[in-house]
PDB file of N, CA and C in Angstrom:
ATOM      1  N   MET A   1      84.181 113.019  86.632  1.00  0.00           N
ATOM      2  CA  MET A   1      83.717 111.653  86.455  1.00  0.00           C
ATOM      3  C   MET A   1      82.348 111.380  86.661  1.00  0.00           C
ATOM      4  N   SER A   2      82.120 110.604  85.516  1.00  0.00           N
ATOM      5  CA  SER A   2      80.536 110.556  85.030  1.00  0.00           C
ATOM      6  C   SER A   2      80.175 109.345  86.163  1.00  0.00           C
ATOM      7  N   TRP A   3      78.669 109.427  85.459  1.00  0.00           N
ATOM      8  CA  TRP A   3      77.842 108.424  86.388  1.00  0.00           C
ATOM      9  C   TRP A   3      78.249 106.595  85.893  1.00  0.00           C
ATOM     10  N   GLU A   4      78.731 106.733  84.558  1.00  0.00           N
ATOM     11  CA  GLU A   4      78.690 105.816  84.143  1.00  0.00           C
ATOM     12  C   GLU A   4      80.153 105.099  84.612  1.00  0.00           C
ATOM     13  N   GLN A   5      81.040 105.988  85.003  1.00  0.00           N
ATOM     14  CA  GLN A   5      82.454 105.774  85.172  1.00  0.00           C
ATOM     15  C   GLN A   5      82.425 105.090  86.538  1.00  0.00           C
ATOM     16  N   LEU A   6      81.489 105.879  87.675  1.00  0.00           N
ATOM     17  CA  LEU A   6      81.242 105.065  88.740  1.00  0.00           C
ATOM     18  C   LEU A   6      80.664 104.012  88.875  1.00  0.00           C
ATOM     19  N   ALA A   7      79.721 104.044  88.121  1.00  0.00           N
ATOM     20  CA  ALA A   7      78.937 102.586  88.323  1.00  0.00           C
ATOM     21  C   ALA A   7      80.060 101.442  87.862  1.00  0.00           C
ATOM     22  N   ASP A   8      80.719 101.946  86.597  1.00  0.00           N
ATOM     23  CA  ASP A   8      82.001 100.884  85.976  1.00  0.00           C
ATOM     24  C   ASP A   8      82.730 100.454  87.401  1.00  0.00           C
ATOM     25  N   ILE A   9      83.189 101.608  88.047  1.00  0.00           N
ATOM     26  CA  ILE A   9      84.208 101.049  88.992  1.00  0.00           C
ATOM     27  C   ILE A   9      83.767 100.411  90.080  1.00  0.00           C
ATOM     28  N   ALA A  10      82.472 100.750  90.442  1.00  0.00           N
ATOM     29  CA  ALA A  10      81.251  99.735  91.428  1.00  0.00           C
ATOM     30  C   ALA A  10      81.801  97.927  90.929  1.00  0.00           C
ATOM     31  N   ALA A  11      81.244  97.940  89.719  1.00  0.00           N
ATOM     32  CA  ALA A  11      80.879  96.831  89.340  1.00  0.00           C
ATOM     33  C   ALA A  11      82.498  95.902  88.977  1.00  0.00           C
ATOM     34  N   GLU A  12      83.403  96.708  88.933  1.00  0.00           N
ATOM     35  CA  GLU A  12      84.314  96.018  89.162  1.00  0.00           C
ATOM     36  C   GLU A  12      84.774  95.516  90.569  1.00  0.00           C
ATOM     37  N   ALA A  13      84.863  96.625  91.523  1.00  0.00           N
ATOM     38  CA  ALA A  13      84.938  96.167  92.931  1.00  0.00           C
ATOM     39  C   ALA A  13      83.747  94.589  93.202  1.00  0.00           C
ATOM     40  N   GLN A  14      82.545  94.752  92.543  1.00  0.00           N
ATOM     41  CA  GLN A  14      81.572  93.284  93.372  1.00  0.00           C
ATOM     42  C   GLN A  14      82.357  92.466  92.521  1.00  0.00           C
ATOM     43  N   ALA A  15      82.717  92.641  91.271  1.00  0.00           N
ATOM     44  CA  ALA A  15      83.473  90.890  90.328  1.00  0.00           C
ATOM     45  C   ALA A  15      84.550  90.648  91.646  1.00  0.00           C
ATOM     46  N   LEU A  16      85.501  91.553  91.956  1.00  0.00           N
ATOM     47  CA  LEU A  16      86.517  91.293  92.184  1.00  0.00           C
ATOM     48  C   LEU A  16      86.387  90.946  94.429  1.00  0.00           C
ATOM     49  N   ARG A  17      85.204  91.191  94.456  1.00  0.00           N
ATOM     50  CA  ARG A  17      85.174  90.601  95.524  1.00  0.00           C
ATOM     51  C   ARG A  17      84.354  89.401  95.511  1.00  0.00           C
ATOM     52  N   GLU A  18      83.295  89.037  94.682  1.00  0.00           N
ATOM     53  CA  GLU A  18      83.038  87.918  94.435  1.00  0.00           C
ATOM     54  C   GLU A  18      83.892  86.837  94.249  1.00  0.00           C
ATOM     55  N   GLU A  19      85.199  87.002  93.159  1.00  0.00           N
ATOM     56  CA  GLU A  19      85.937  86.373  93.041  1.00  0.00           C
ATOM     57  C   GLU A  19      87.296  85.908  94.153  1.00  0.00           C
ATOM     58  N   GLU A  20      87.336  87.118  95.061  1.00  0.00           N
ATOM     59  CA  GLU A  20      87.734  86.466  96.453  1.00  0.00           C
ATOM     60  C   GLU A  20      87.358  85.592  97.180  1.00  0.00           C
ATOM     61  N   ALA A  21      85.979  85.952  96.783  1.00  0.00           N
ATOM     62  CA  ALA A  21      85.169  85.146  98.396  1.00  0.00           C
ATOM     63  C   ALA A  21      85.023  83.397  97.734  1.00  0.00           C
ATOM     64  N   SER A  22      85.246  83.059  96.365  1.00  0.00           N
ATOM     65  CA  SER A  22      84.879  82.165  95.798  1.00  0.00           C
ATOM     66  C   SER A  22      86.420  81.074  95.898  1.00  0.00           C
ATOM     67  N   ARG A  23      87.048  81.519  96.308  1.00  0.00           N
ATOM     68  CA  ARG A  23      88.637  81.222  96.083  1.00  0.00           C
ATOM     69  C   ARG A  23      88.778  80.214  97.574  1.00  0.00           C
ATOM     70  N   ALA A  24      89.830  79.270  97.766  1.00  0.00           N
ATOM     71  CA  ALA A  24      90.089  78.458  99.061  1.00  0.00           C
ATOM     72  C   ALA A  24      91.112  79.391  99.688  1.00  0.00           C
ATOM     73  N   PRO A  25      91.064  79.383 101.019  1.00  0.00           N
ATOM     74  CA  PRO A  25      91.720  80.604 101.733  1.00  0.00           C
ATOM     75  C   PRO A  25      93.416  79.851 102.037  1.00  0.00           C
ATOM     76  N   GLU A  26      94.086  80.683 101.864  1.00  0.00           N
ATOM     77  CA  GLU A  26      95.693  80.417 101.861  1.00  0.00           C
ATOM     78  C   GLU A  26      96.088  80.698 103.348  1.00  0.00           C
ATOM     79  N   ARG A  27      95.558  81.356 104.119  1.00  0.00           N
ATOM     80  CA  ARG A  27      96.101  80.675 105.808  1.00  0.00           C
ATOM     81  C   ARG A  27      95.247  80.996 106.527  1.00  0.00           C
ATOM     82  N   CYS A  28      95.050  79.971 107.735  1.00  0.00           N
ATOM     83  CA  CYS A  28      93.911  79.796 108.913  1.00  0.00           C
ATOM     84  C   CYS A  28      93.373  80.793 109.328  1.00  0.00           C
ATOM     85  N   PRO A  29      92.277  80.998 109.758  1.00  0.00           N
ATOM     86  CA  PRO A  29      91.251  82.200 110.249  1.00  0.00           C
ATOM     87  C   PRO A  29      91.842  82.217 111.540  1.00  0.00           C
ATOM     88  N   ASN A  30      92.375  81.302 111.855  1.00  0.00           N
ATOM     89  CA  ASN A  30      92.307  81.240 113.784  1.00  0.00           C
ATOM     90  C   ASN A  30      93.640  82.107 113.916  1.00  0.00           C
ATOM     91  N   ASP A  31      95.167  81.804 112.899  1.00  0.00           N
ATOM     92  CA  ASP A  31      96.040  81.687 113.380  1.00  0.00           C
ATOM     93  C   ASP A  31      97.275  82.483 112.465  1.00  0.00           C
ATOM     94  N   ALA A  32      96.299  82.751 111.311  1.00  0.00           N
ATOM     95  CA  ALA A  32      97.304  82.865 109.751  1.00  0.00           C
ATOM     96  C   ALA A  32      98.740  82.112 109.389  1.00  0.00           C
ATOM     97  N   ILE A  33      98.334  80.655 110.198  1.00  0.00           N
ATOM     98  CA  ILE A  33      99.297  79.730 109.493  1.00  0.00           C
ATOM     99  C   ILE A  33      98.993  79.631 108.116  1.00  0.00           C
ATOM    100  N   LEU A  34      99.708  79.408 107.290  1.00  0.00           N
ATOM    101  CA  LEU A  34      99.554  78.605 106.084  1.00  0.00           C
ATOM    102  C   LEU A  34      99.095  77.578 105.906  1.00  0.00           C
ATOM    103  N   LEU A  35      98.253  77.355 105.088  1.00  0.00           N
ATOM    104  CA  LEU A  35      97.182  75.931 104.987  1.00  0.00           C
ATOM    105  C   LEU A  35      97.873  74.938 103.923  1.00  0.00           C
ATOM    106  N   VAL A  36      98.372  73.985 104.710  1.00  0.00           N
ATOM    107  CA  VAL A  36      98.540  73.097 103.774  1.00  0.00           C
ATOM    108  C   VAL A  36      97.805  71.764 103.407  1.00  0.00           C
ATOM    109  N   LEU A  37      98.073  71.135 101.785  1.00  0.00           N
ATOM    110  CA  LEU A  37      97.118  70.029 101.421  1.00  0.00           C
ATOM    111  C   LEU A  37      97.256  68.861 102.291  1.00  0.00           C
ATOM    112  N   ASN A  38      96.484  67.693 102.299  1.00  0.00           N
ATOM    113  CA  ASN A  38      96.802  66.786 103.399  1.00  0.00           C
ATOM    114  C   ASN A  38      96.258  65.441 102.259  1.00  0.00           C
ATOM    115  N   GLY A  39      98.214  64.913 101.816  1.00  0.00           N
ATOM    116  CA  GLY A  39      97.912  64.124 100.416  1.00  0.00           C
ATOM    117  C   GLY A  39      97.351  63.114 100.850  1.00  0.00           C
ATOM    118  N   GLU A  40      96.567  62.853 102.477  1.00  0.00           N
ATOM    119  CA  GLU A  40      95.431  61.336 102.182  1.00  0.00           C
ATOM    120  C   GLU A  40      94.250  61.847 102.163  1.00  0.00           C
ATOM    121  N   THR A  41      93.793  62.621 102.330  1.00  0.00           N
ATOM    122  CA  THR A  41      92.429  63.017 102.510  1.00  0.00           C
ATOM    123  C   THR A  41      91.955  63.969 101.564  1.00  0.00           C
ATOM    124  N   GLY A  42      92.882  65.096 100.956  1.00  0.00           N
ATOM    125  CA  GLY A  42      92.936  66.294 100.000  1.00  0.00           C
ATOM    126  C   GLY A  42      92.395  67.080 100.648  1.00  0.00           C
ATOM    127  N   VAL A  43      92.534  67.676 102.045  1.00  0.00           N
ATOM    128  CA  VAL A  43      91.957  68.579 102.721  1.00  0.00           C
ATOM    129  C   VAL A  43      93.035  69.615 103.049  1.00  0.00           C
ATOM    130  N   LEU A  44      92.594  71.215 102.565  1.00  0.00           N
ATOM    131  CA  LEU A  44      93.504  71.956 103.141  1.00  0.00           C
ATOM    132  C   LEU A  44      93.335  71.795 104.586  1.00  0.00           C
ATOM    133  N   GLY A  45      94.519  71.597 105.454  1.00  0.00           N
ATOM    134  CA  GLY A  45      94.164  72.529 106.866  1.00  0.00           C
ATOM    135  C   GLY A  45      95.367  72.959 107.286  1.00  0.00           C
ATOM    136  N   CYS A  46      95.526  73.361 108.748  1.00  0.00           N
ATOM    137  CA  CYS A  46      96.590  74.096 109.672  1.00  0.00           C
ATOM    138  C   CYS A  46      97.272  72.927 110.301  1.00  0.00           C
ATOM    139  N   THR A  47      98.688  73.141 110.568  1.00  0.00           N
ATOM    140  CA  THR A  47      99.364  72.091 110.984  1.00  0.00           C
ATOM    141  C   THR A  47      99.368  72.488 112.537  1.00  0.00           C
ATOM    142  N   PHE A  48      99.091  73.637 112.625  1.00  0.00           N
ATOM    143  CA  PHE A  48      99.211  74.514 114.782  1.00  0.00           C
ATOM    144  C   PHE A  48      97.717  74.264 115.122  1.00  0.00           C
ATOM    145  N   CYS A  49      96.649  74.385 114.361  1.00  0.00           N
ATOM    146  CA  CYS A  49      95.427  74.166 115.363  1.00  0.00           C
ATOM    147  C   CYS A  49      94.488  73.164 115.051  1.00  0.00           C
ATOM    148  N   GLY A  50      94.990  72.852 114.163  1.00  0.00           N
ATOM    149  CA  GLY A  50      94.137  71.615 113.129  1.00  0.00           C
ATOM    150  C   GLY A  50      92.411  72.203 112.415  1.00  0.00           C
ATOM    151  N   TYR A  51      92.387  73.371 112.121  1.00  0.00           N
ATOM    152  CA  TYR A  51      91.693  74.019 111.678  1.00  0.00           C
ATOM    153  C   TYR A  51      91.677  73.341 110.227  1.00  0.00           C
ATOM    154  N   ARG A  52      90.422  73.033 109.426  1.00  0.00           N
ATOM    155  CA  ARG A  52      89.988  72.010 108.208  1.00  0.00           C
ATOM    156  C   ARG A  52      89.352  72.629 107.804  1.00  0.00           C
ATOM    157  N   TYR A  53      89.486  72.976 106.261  1.00  0.00           N
ATOM    158  CA  TYR A  53      89.160  73.780 105.013  1.00  0.00           C
ATOM    159  C   TYR A  53      88.315  72.701 104.401  1.00  0.00           C
ATOM    160  N   GLU A  54      87.326  72.797 104.449  1.00  0.00           N
ATOM    161  CA  GLU A  54      86.602  71.254 103.418  1.00  0.00           C
ATOM    162  C   GLU A  54      85.579  71.978 102.086  1.00  0.00           C
ATOM    163  N   GLY A  55      85.752  73.098 101.822  1.00  0.00           N
ATOM    164  CA  GLY A  55      85.478  73.886 100.716  1.00  0.00           C
ATOM    165  C   GLY A  55      84.119  74.456 101.266  1.00  0.00           C
ATOM    166  N   GLY A  56      83.507  75.007 100.378  1.00  0.00           N
ATOM    167  CA  GLY A  56      82.365  76.051 100.916  1.00  0.00           C
ATOM    168  C   GLY A  56      82.607  77.460 101.548  1.00  0.00           C
ATOM    169  N   ALA A  57      81.699  78.317 101.394  1.00  0.00           N
ATOM    170  CA  ALA A  57      81.766  79.306 102.551  1.00  0.00           C
ATOM    171  C   ALA A  57      80.828  79.380 103.350  1.00  0.00           C
TER     172      ALA A  57
END
């Protein structure tokens, strides 16, 4: 394997990490319950513990 191939693999891994970090979470970080969208506020939230994801990181 050449250094160029290794550099390509590292660049692809970095792009995947950035893509993953830019997406909203699907599950609550506290209890892994699926987050649901509140129709009134438009905010993702956990129906179990009350966690709210309002965007950003």
